[in-house]
């Protein structure tokens, strides 16, 4: 199997731009970068940094009748 030539990569890039549009690509790359960063931190044994922590729900209290 041959390696990808620059022409092949250009065609692939053109198809990606046509499918997702120019505005979606930076968002996708940002998400990919965050995923890679989280994966690397997980491999090092560190908990992943969260930009938005999940909301804390108060403990449920039993209802009295």
PDB file of N, CA and C in Angstrom:
ATOM      1  N   UNK A   1       0.842  -1.171   0.000  1.00  0.00           N
ATOM      2  CA  UNK A   1       0.000   0.000   0.000  1.00  0.00           C
ATOM      3  C   UNK A   1       0.890   1.237   0.000  1.00  0.00           C
ATOM      4  N   UNK A   2       0.583   2.150  -0.861  1.00  0.00           N
ATOM      5  CA  UNK A   2       1.392   3.358  -0.985  1.00  0.00           C
ATOM      6  C   UNK A   2       1.042   4.376   0.097  1.00  0.00           C
ATOM      7  N   UNK A   3       2.003   5.225   0.399  1.00  0.00           N
ATOM      8  CA  UNK A   3       1.772   6.312   1.354  1.00  0.00           C
ATOM      9  C   UNK A   3       0.899   7.374   0.692  1.00  0.00           C
ATOM     10  N   UNK A   4       0.244   8.157   1.522  1.00  0.00           N
ATOM     11  CA  UNK A   4      -0.594   9.234   0.994  1.00  0.00           C
ATOM     12  C   UNK A   4       0.281  10.349   0.436  1.00  0.00           C
ATOM     13  N   UNK A   5      -0.033  10.748  -0.765  1.00  0.00           N
ATOM     14  CA  UNK A   5       0.707  11.853  -1.377  1.00  0.00           C
ATOM     15  C   UNK A   5       0.054  13.168  -0.956  1.00  0.00           C
ATOM     16  N   UNK A   6       0.741  14.282  -1.154  1.00  0.00           N
ATOM     17  CA  UNK A   6       0.139  15.578  -0.815  1.00  0.00           C
ATOM     18  C   UNK A   6      -1.182  15.823  -1.557  1.00  0.00           C
ATOM     19  N   UNK A   7      -1.308  15.302  -2.765  1.00  0.00           N
ATOM     20  CA  UNK A   7      -2.548  15.459  -3.524  1.00  0.00           C
ATOM     21  C   UNK A   7      -3.697  14.714  -2.844  1.00  0.00           C
ATOM     22  N   UNK A   8      -3.422  13.517  -2.324  1.00  0.00           N
ATOM     23  CA  UNK A   8      -4.443  12.763  -1.605  1.00  0.00           C
ATOM     24  C   UNK A   8      -4.889  13.518  -0.360  1.00  0.00           C
ATOM     25  N   UNK A   9      -3.931  14.057   0.384  1.00  0.00           N
ATOM     26  CA  UNK A   9      -4.263  14.804   1.593  1.00  0.00           C
ATOM     27  C   UNK A   9      -5.087  16.048   1.270  1.00  0.00           C
ATOM     28  N   UNK A  10      -4.774  16.714   0.170  1.00  0.00           N
ATOM     29  CA  UNK A  10      -5.530  17.890  -0.259  1.00  0.00           C
ATOM     30  C   UNK A  10      -6.974  17.515  -0.594  1.00  0.00           C
ATOM     31  N   UNK A  11      -7.161  16.405  -1.262  1.00  0.00           N
ATOM     32  CA  UNK A  11      -8.513  15.947  -1.606  1.00  0.00           C
ATOM     33  C   UNK A  11      -9.290  15.599  -0.340  1.00  0.00           C
ATOM     34  N   UNK A  12      -8.648  14.928   0.602  1.00  0.00           N
ATOM     35  CA  UNK A  12      -9.305  14.586   1.863  1.00  0.00           C
ATOM     36  C   UNK A  12      -9.699  15.851   2.618  1.00  0.00           C
ATOM     37  N   UNK A  13      -8.812  16.833   2.671  1.00  0.00           N
ATOM     38  CA  UNK A  13      -9.104  18.100   3.334  1.00  0.00           C
ATOM     39  C   UNK A  13     -10.280  18.812   2.675  1.00  0.00           C
ATOM     40  N   UNK A  14     -10.325  18.804   1.357  1.00  0.00           N
ATOM     41  CA  UNK A  14     -11.417  19.436   0.620  1.00  0.00           C
ATOM     42  C   UNK A  14     -12.752  18.748   0.939  1.00  0.00           C
ATOM     43  N   UNK A  15     -12.757  17.445   1.009  1.00  0.00           N
ATOM     44  CA  UNK A  15     -13.980  16.712   1.326  1.00  0.00           C
ATOM     45  C   UNK A  15     -14.442  17.037   2.742  1.00  0.00           C
ATOM     46  N   UNK A  16     -13.516  17.106   3.691  1.00  0.00           N
ATOM     47  CA  UNK A  16     -13.868  17.430   5.076  1.00  0.00           C
ATOM     48  C   UNK A  16     -14.473  18.835   5.155  1.00  0.00           C
ATOM     49  N   UNK A  17     -13.888  19.789   4.458  1.00  0.00           N
ATOM     50  CA  UNK A  17     -14.420  21.156   4.465  1.00  0.00           C
ATOM     51  C   UNK A  17     -15.811  21.184   3.849  1.00  0.00           C
ATOM     52  N   UNK A  18     -16.015  20.441   2.776  1.00  0.00           N
ATOM     53  CA  UNK A  18     -17.331  20.417   2.150  1.00  0.00           C
ATOM     54  C   UNK A  18     -18.380  19.761   3.048  1.00  0.00           C
ATOM     55  N   UNK A  19     -18.007  18.704   3.761  1.00  0.00           N
ATOM     56  CA  UNK A  19     -18.957  18.000   4.618  1.00  0.00           C
ATOM     57  C   UNK A  19     -19.329  18.794   5.862  1.00  0.00           C
ATOM     58  N   UNK A  20     -18.336  19.379   6.518  1.00  0.00           N
ATOM     59  CA  UNK A  20     -18.575  19.996   7.813  1.00  0.00           C
ATOM     60  C   UNK A  20     -18.642  21.519   7.767  1.00  0.00           C
ATOM     61  N   UNK A  21     -18.141  22.135   6.747  1.00  0.00           N
ATOM     62  CA  UNK A  21     -18.158  23.588   6.672  1.00  0.00           C
ATOM     63  C   UNK A  21     -16.973  24.188   7.412  1.00  0.00           C
ATOM     64  N   UNK A  22     -16.612  25.391   7.027  1.00  0.00           N
ATOM     65  CA  UNK A  22     -15.443  26.042   7.611  1.00  0.00           C
ATOM     66  C   UNK A  22     -15.613  26.444   9.064  1.00  0.00           C
ATOM     67  N   UNK A  23     -16.853  26.666   9.511  1.00  0.00           N
ATOM     68  CA  UNK A  23     -17.079  27.111  10.889  1.00  0.00           C
ATOM     69  C   UNK A  23     -17.039  25.961  11.882  1.00  0.00           C
ATOM     70  N   UNK A  24     -17.403  24.770  11.460  1.00  0.00           N
ATOM     71  CA  UNK A  24     -17.446  23.617  12.367  1.00  0.00           C
ATOM     72  C   UNK A  24     -16.074  23.006  12.615  1.00  0.00           C
ATOM     73  N   UNK A  25     -15.161  23.170  11.691  1.00  0.00           N
ATOM     74  CA  UNK A  25     -13.858  22.512  11.804  1.00  0.00           C
ATOM     75  C   UNK A  25     -13.076  22.978  13.042  1.00  0.00           C
ATOM     76  N   UNK A  26     -12.992  24.299  13.349  1.00  0.00           N
ATOM     77  CA  UNK A  26     -12.282  24.690  14.574  1.00  0.00           C
ATOM     78  C   UNK A  26     -12.910  24.110  15.839  1.00  0.00           C
ATOM     79  N   UNK A  27     -14.244  24.015  15.879  1.00  0.00           N
ATOM     80  CA  UNK A  27     -14.912  23.422  17.037  1.00  0.00           C
ATOM     81  C   UNK A  27     -14.550  21.944  17.168  1.00  0.00           C
ATOM     82  N   UNK A  28     -14.511  21.247  16.036  1.00  0.00           N
ATOM     83  CA  UNK A  28     -14.152  19.831  16.062  1.00  0.00           C
ATOM     84  C   UNK A  28     -12.705  19.642  16.518  1.00  0.00           C
ATOM     85  N   UNK A  29     -11.815  20.478  16.042  1.00  0.00           N
ATOM     86  CA  UNK A  29     -10.404  20.365  16.414  1.00  0.00           C
ATOM     87  C   UNK A  29     -10.212  20.681  17.896  1.00  0.00           C
ATOM     88  N   UNK A  30     -10.960  21.660  18.411  1.00  0.00           N
ATOM     89  CA  UNK A  30     -10.889  21.998  19.831  1.00  0.00           C
ATOM     90  C   UNK A  30     -11.346  20.806  20.669  1.00  0.00           C
ATOM     91  N   UNK A  31     -12.450  20.185  20.263  1.00  0.00           N
ATOM     92  CA  UNK A  31     -12.942  19.007  20.970  1.00  0.00           C
ATOM     93  C   UNK A  31     -11.959  17.850  20.906  1.00  0.00           C
ATOM     94  N   UNK A  32     -11.338  17.679  19.753  1.00  0.00           N
ATOM     95  CA  UNK A  32     -10.335  16.625  19.605  1.00  0.00           C
ATOM     96  C   UNK A  32      -9.136  16.889  20.519  1.00  0.00           C
ATOM     97  N   UNK A  33      -8.707  18.139  20.594  1.00  0.00           N
ATOM     98  CA  UNK A  33      -7.579  18.504  21.462  1.00  0.00           C
ATOM     99  C   UNK A  33      -7.898  18.267  22.928  1.00  0.00           C
ATOM    100  N   UNK A  34      -9.120  18.630  23.346  1.00  0.00           N
ATOM    101  CA  UNK A  34      -9.517  18.400  24.731  1.00  0.00           C
ATOM    102  C   UNK A  34      -9.578  16.909  25.038  1.00  0.00           C
ATOM    103  N   UNK A  35     -10.065  16.134  24.083  1.00  0.00           N
ATOM    104  CA  UNK A  35     -10.118  14.687  24.275  1.00  0.00           C
ATOM    105  C   UNK A  35      -8.729  14.079  24.395  1.00  0.00           C
ATOM    106  N   UNK A  36      -7.811  14.532  23.556  1.00  0.00           N
ATOM    107  CA  UNK A  36      -6.432  14.028  23.620  1.00  0.00           C
ATOM    108  C   UNK A  36      -5.773  14.421  24.937  1.00  0.00           C
ATOM    109  N   UNK A  37      -6.023  15.646  25.382  1.00  0.00           N
ATOM    110  CA  UNK A  37      -5.443  16.116  26.641  1.00  0.00           C
ATOM    111  C   UNK A  37      -5.986  15.287  27.805  1.00  0.00           C
ATOM    112  N   UNK A  38      -7.285  15.024  27.793  1.00  0.00           N
ATOM    113  CA  UNK A  38      -7.903  14.216  28.838  1.00  0.00           C
ATOM    114  C   UNK A  38      -7.339  12.793  28.823  1.00  0.00           C
ATOM    115  N   UNK A  39      -7.141  12.236  27.639  1.00  0.00           N
ATOM    116  CA  UNK A  39      -6.584  10.895  27.520  1.00  0.00           C
ATOM    117  C   UNK A  39      -5.171  10.846  28.077  1.00  0.00           C
ATOM    118  N   UNK A  40      -4.343  11.840  27.741  1.00  0.00           N
ATOM    119  CA  UNK A  40      -2.962  11.868  28.242  1.00  0.00           C
ATOM    120  C   UNK A  40      -2.935  11.987  29.759  1.00  0.00           C
ATOM    121  N   UNK A  41      -3.812  12.843  30.314  1.00  0.00           N
ATOM    122  CA  UNK A  41      -3.866  12.982  31.769  1.00  0.00           C
ATOM    123  C   UNK A  41      -4.312  11.682  32.420  1.00  0.00           C
ATOM    124  N   UNK A  42      -5.251  10.995  31.784  1.00  0.00           N
ATOM    125  CA  UNK A  42      -5.704   9.715  32.314  1.00  0.00           C
ATOM    126  C   UNK A  42      -4.607   8.663  32.287  1.00  0.00           C
ATOM    127  N   UNK A  43      -3.782   8.690  31.250  1.00  0.00           N
ATOM    128  CA  UNK A  43      -2.684   7.732  31.160  1.00  0.00           C
ATOM    129  C   UNK A  43      -1.610   8.010  32.210  1.00  0.00           C
ATOM    130  N   UNK A  44      -1.500   9.256  32.662  1.00  0.00           N
ATOM    131  CA  UNK A  44      -0.515   9.608  33.682  1.00  0.00           C
ATOM    132  C   UNK A  44      -1.059   9.401  35.084  1.00  0.00           C
ATOM    133  N   UNK A  45      -2.317   9.013  35.200  1.00  0.00           N
ATOM    134  CA  UNK A  45      -2.906   8.758  36.510  1.00  0.00           C
ATOM    135  C   UNK A  45      -3.508   9.977  37.154  1.00  0.00           C
ATOM    136  N   UNK A  46      -3.623  11.074  36.433  1.00  0.00           N
ATOM    137  CA  UNK A  46      -4.217  12.283  36.976  1.00  0.00           C
ATOM    138  C   UNK A  46      -5.681  12.327  36.575  1.00  0.00           C
ATOM    139  N   UNK A  47      -6.545  12.830  37.468  1.00  0.00           N
ATOM    140  CA  UNK A  47      -7.940  12.976  37.044  1.00  0.00           C
ATOM    141  C   UNK A  47      -8.042  14.079  35.997  1.00  0.00           C
ATOM    142  N   UNK A  48      -8.924  13.925  35.004  1.00  0.00           N
ATOM    143  CA  UNK A  48      -9.043  14.950  33.966  1.00  0.00           C
ATOM    144  C   UNK A  48      -9.582  16.257  34.534  1.00  0.00           C
ATOM    145  N   UNK A  49      -9.042  17.360  34.057  1.00  0.00           N
ATOM    146  CA  UNK A  49      -9.509  18.679  34.475  1.00  0.00           C
ATOM    147  C   UNK A  49     -10.841  18.958  33.794  1.00  0.00           C
ATOM    148  N   UNK A  50     -11.812  19.409  34.585  1.00  0.00           N
ATOM    149  CA  UNK A  50     -13.120  19.713  34.029  1.00  0.00           C
ATOM    150  C   UNK A  50     -13.331  21.218  34.062  1.00  0.00           C
ATOM    151  N   UNK A  51     -13.757  21.775  32.932  1.00  0.00           N
ATOM    152  CA  UNK A  51     -14.010  23.207  32.890  1.00  0.00           C
ATOM    153  C   UNK A  51     -15.327  23.537  33.575  1.00  0.00           C
ATOM    154  N   UNK A  52     -16.309  22.647  33.470  1.00  0.00           N
ATOM    155  CA  UNK A  52     -17.605  22.841  34.113  1.00  0.00           C
ATOM    156  C   UNK A  52     -17.891  21.621  34.978  1.00  0.00           C
ATOM    157  N   UNK A  53     -17.716  21.747  36.310  1.00  0.00           N
ATOM    158  CA  UNK A  53     -17.985  20.588  37.160  1.00  0.00           C
ATOM    159  C   UNK A  53     -19.473  20.257  37.147  1.00  0.00           C
ATOM    160  N   UNK A  54     -19.825  18.978  37.319  1.00  0.00           N
ATOM    161  CA  UNK A  54     -21.243  18.606  37.318  1.00  0.00           C
ATOM    162  C   UNK A  54     -21.959  19.222  38.512  1.00  0.00           C
ATOM    163  N   UNK A  55     -23.240  19.563  38.382  1.00  0.00           N
ATOM    164  CA  UNK A  55     -23.970  20.169  39.500  1.00  0.00           C
ATOM    165  C   UNK A  55     -24.152  19.167  40.629  1.00  0.00           C
ATOM    166  N   UNK A  56     -24.103  19.671  41.837  1.00  0.00           N
ATOM    167  CA  UNK A  56     -24.276  18.840  43.020  1.00  0.00           C
ATOM    168  C   UNK A  56     -25.756  18.779  43.373  1.00  0.00           C
ATOM    169  N   UNK A  57     -26.302  17.580  43.464  1.00  0.00           N
ATOM    170  CA  UNK A  57     -27.691  17.406  43.860  1.00  0.00           C
ATOM    171  C   UNK A  57     -27.746  17.184  45.367  1.00  0.00           C
ATOM    172  N   UNK A  58     -28.673  17.844  46.046  1.00  0.00           N
ATOM    173  CA  UNK A  58     -28.779  17.607  47.499  1.00  0.00           C
ATOM    174  C   UNK A  58     -29.277  16.196  47.749  1.00  0.00           C
ATOM    175  N   UNK A  59     -28.922  15.611  48.906  1.00  0.00           N
ATOM    176  CA  UNK A  59     -29.369  14.242  49.188  1.00  0.00           C
ATOM    177  C   UNK A  59     -30.893  14.207  49.336  1.00  0.00           C
ATOM    178  N   UNK A  60     -31.478  13.134  48.857  1.00  0.00           N
ATOM    179  CA  UNK A  60     -32.923  12.971  48.937  1.00  0.00           C
ATOM    180  C   UNK A  60     -33.337  12.673  50.361  1.00  0.00           C
ATOM    181  N   UNK A  61     -34.398  13.322  50.826  1.00  0.00           N
ATOM    182  CA  UNK A  61     -34.907  13.079  52.163  1.00  0.00           C
ATOM    183  C   UNK A  61     -36.183  12.273  52.044  1.00  0.00           C
ATOM    184  N   UNK A  62     -36.387  11.288  52.909  1.00  0.00           N
ATOM    185  CA  UNK A  62     -37.614  10.487  52.822  1.00  0.00           C
ATOM    186  C   UNK A  62     -38.824  11.335  53.227  1.00  0.00           C
ATOM    187  N   UNK A  63     -39.931  11.103  52.540  1.00  0.00           N
ATOM    188  CA  UNK A  63     -41.154  11.831  52.846  1.00  0.00           C
ATOM    189  C   UNK A  63     -41.872  11.160  54.008  1.00  0.00           C
ATOM    190  N   UNK A  64     -42.383  11.976  54.926  1.00  0.00           N
ATOM    191  CA  UNK A  64     -43.162  11.445  56.065  1.00  0.00           C
ATOM    192  C   UNK A  64     -44.626  11.665  55.777  1.00  0.00           C
ATOM    193  N   UNK A  65     -45.422  10.642  56.074  1.00  0.00           N
ATOM    194  CA  UNK A  65     -46.864  10.747  55.843  1.00  0.00           C
ATOM    195  C   UNK A  65     -47.626  10.861  57.118  1.00  0.00           C
TER     196      UNK A  65
END
